[in-house]
Protein backbone atom coordinates (compact mmCIF):
# COMPACT_ATOMS: atom_id res chain seq x y z
CA MET A 1 -141.53 12.78 -190.67
CA THR A 2 -139.69 9.93 -192.40
CA THR A 3 -138.26 6.68 -191.20
CA SER A 4 -135.14 6.28 -193.77
CA PRO A 5 -132.24 5.20 -192.26
CA ALA A 6 -130.56 8.78 -193.34
CA SER A 7 -133.17 10.77 -191.71
CA ALA A 8 -132.76 8.32 -188.46
CA THR A 9 -128.95 8.94 -188.72
CA GLN A 10 -129.95 12.55 -188.47
CA ASN A 11 -132.02 12.73 -185.84
CA GLN A 12 -129.85 10.55 -183.74
CA THR A 13 -127.04 12.96 -184.48
CA VAL A 14 -129.03 16.06 -183.56
CA LEU A 15 -130.33 14.01 -180.48
CA ASP A 16 -126.96 13.27 -179.39
CA ALA A 17 -125.91 17.07 -179.56
CA LEU A 18 -129.04 18.21 -177.45
CA SER A 19 -128.18 15.60 -174.87
CA ARG A 20 -124.67 16.61 -174.64
CA CYS A 21 -125.33 20.23 -174.45
CA ALA A 22 -127.84 19.89 -171.83
CA ALA A 23 -125.68 18.23 -169.76
CA ALA A 24 -122.81 20.25 -170.02
CA CYS A 25 -125.02 23.35 -169.17
CA GLU A 26 -126.33 21.68 -166.05
CA GLN A 27 -122.67 20.84 -165.06
CA CYS A 28 -121.73 24.49 -165.88
CA ALA A 29 -124.45 25.98 -163.83
CA THR A 30 -123.54 23.25 -160.86
CA ALA A 31 -119.76 24.57 -161.13
CA CYS A 32 -120.65 28.32 -161.37
CA LEU A 33 -122.36 27.99 -158.17
CA GLN A 34 -119.18 26.71 -156.59
CA GLU A 35 -117.23 29.71 -157.92
CA GLU A 36 -115.97 32.41 -155.27
CA HIS A 37 -117.75 35.25 -156.84
CA VAL A 38 -120.78 33.43 -157.56
CA HIS A 39 -122.88 36.70 -157.80
CA MET A 40 -120.62 37.38 -161.22
CA MET A 41 -121.82 34.11 -162.73
CA VAL A 42 -125.58 34.54 -162.17
CA PRO A 43 -126.09 35.54 -165.84
CA CYS A 44 -124.24 32.37 -167.11
CA ILE A 45 -126.23 30.25 -164.56
CA ARG A 46 -129.55 31.67 -165.69
CA LEU A 47 -128.72 30.98 -169.50
CA ASP A 48 -127.21 27.52 -168.61
CA ARG A 49 -130.57 26.38 -167.02
CA ASP A 50 -132.64 27.81 -169.88
CA CYS A 51 -130.30 26.12 -172.42
CA ALA A 52 -130.55 22.78 -170.74
CA ASP A 53 -134.30 23.00 -170.63
CA ILE A 54 -134.91 23.93 -174.45
CA CYS A 55 -132.35 21.39 -175.40
CA ARG A 56 -134.40 18.69 -173.57
CA LEU A 57 -137.67 19.93 -175.03
CA THR A 58 -136.46 20.20 -178.39
CA ALA A 59 -134.99 16.74 -178.18
CA ALA A 60 -138.26 15.44 -177.14
CA PHE A 61 -140.10 17.04 -180.04
CA ILE A 62 -137.82 15.88 -182.47
CA ALA A 63 -137.89 12.33 -181.16
CA ARG A 64 -141.39 12.33 -180.96
CA GLY A 65 -141.85 13.49 -184.63
CA SER A 66 -143.70 16.64 -183.47
CA ASP A 67 -145.12 19.28 -185.97
CA HIS A 68 -143.80 21.92 -183.58
CA ALA A 69 -140.13 20.49 -183.61
CA LYS A 70 -139.14 23.41 -186.27
CA HIS A 71 -140.25 26.06 -184.11
CA VAL A 72 -138.70 24.99 -180.94
CA LEU A 73 -135.75 24.04 -182.74
CA LYS A 74 -135.44 28.06 -183.87
CA GLU A 75 -135.59 28.95 -180.36
CA CYS A 76 -133.21 26.17 -179.13
CA ILE A 77 -130.40 27.65 -181.76
CA GLU A 78 -130.92 30.98 -180.43
CA ILE A 79 -130.78 30.16 -176.79
CA CYS A 80 -127.77 27.86 -177.29
CA GLN A 81 -125.95 30.29 -179.31
CA LYS A 82 -126.37 33.19 -176.36
CA CYS A 83 -125.45 30.51 -173.93
CA ALA A 84 -122.17 29.80 -175.90
CA ASP A 85 -121.43 33.49 -176.17
CA GLU A 86 -121.98 34.11 -172.43
CA CYS A 87 -119.92 30.95 -171.27
CA GLY A 88 -117.26 31.74 -173.72
CA GLN A 89 -116.45 34.90 -171.77
CA HIS A 90 -115.38 33.08 -168.76
CA GLN A 91 -111.84 31.16 -168.51
CA HIS A 92 -113.53 28.56 -166.07
CA ASP A 93 -112.94 25.01 -167.86
CA HIS A 94 -116.83 24.12 -167.10
CA CYS A 95 -117.72 27.56 -169.07
CA GLN A 96 -115.32 26.86 -171.87
CA GLN A 97 -116.30 23.30 -171.92
CA CYS A 98 -120.18 24.21 -171.83
CA ALA A 99 -119.69 26.97 -174.70
CA GLU A 100 -118.11 24.19 -176.85
CA ALA A 101 -121.32 21.79 -176.40
CA CYS A 102 -123.44 24.83 -177.10
CA ARG A 103 -121.54 25.52 -180.67
CA ALA A 104 -121.68 22.15 -181.36
CA CYS A 105 -125.44 21.98 -180.77
CA VAL A 106 -126.03 24.98 -182.74
CA ALA A 107 -124.26 23.42 -185.41
CA ALA A 108 -126.22 20.33 -185.40
CA CYS A 109 -129.58 22.14 -184.88
CA GLN A 110 -128.73 24.22 -188.00
CA GLN A 111 -127.64 21.18 -190.26
CA TYR A 112 -131.08 19.26 -188.91
CA ALA A 113 -133.31 22.38 -189.72
CA GLY A 114 -131.56 22.56 -193.14
């Protein structure tokens, strides 16, 4: 891991996207639990939780310069995309906001991965 200003900026960009995604997923899961037909939101809630967890883990691996960051990053991209797809199917504002944060995170992670 290099410490050039460009890499520091690139790291911060992906770390910010991961943080925003994790927060959006947590907010979405909490809001989904308040929905009238919560049983219909179970897949969304599960993906929200998985996505928030993998985003936090990926951020930690990137921040510490782990040799395994690229492996975790690949899984993070996959889960974020699945979460974006699931949340994007629901018309609730919290789901749409989560889907948007997940898509932004996918883009940032793909750019970081090169």
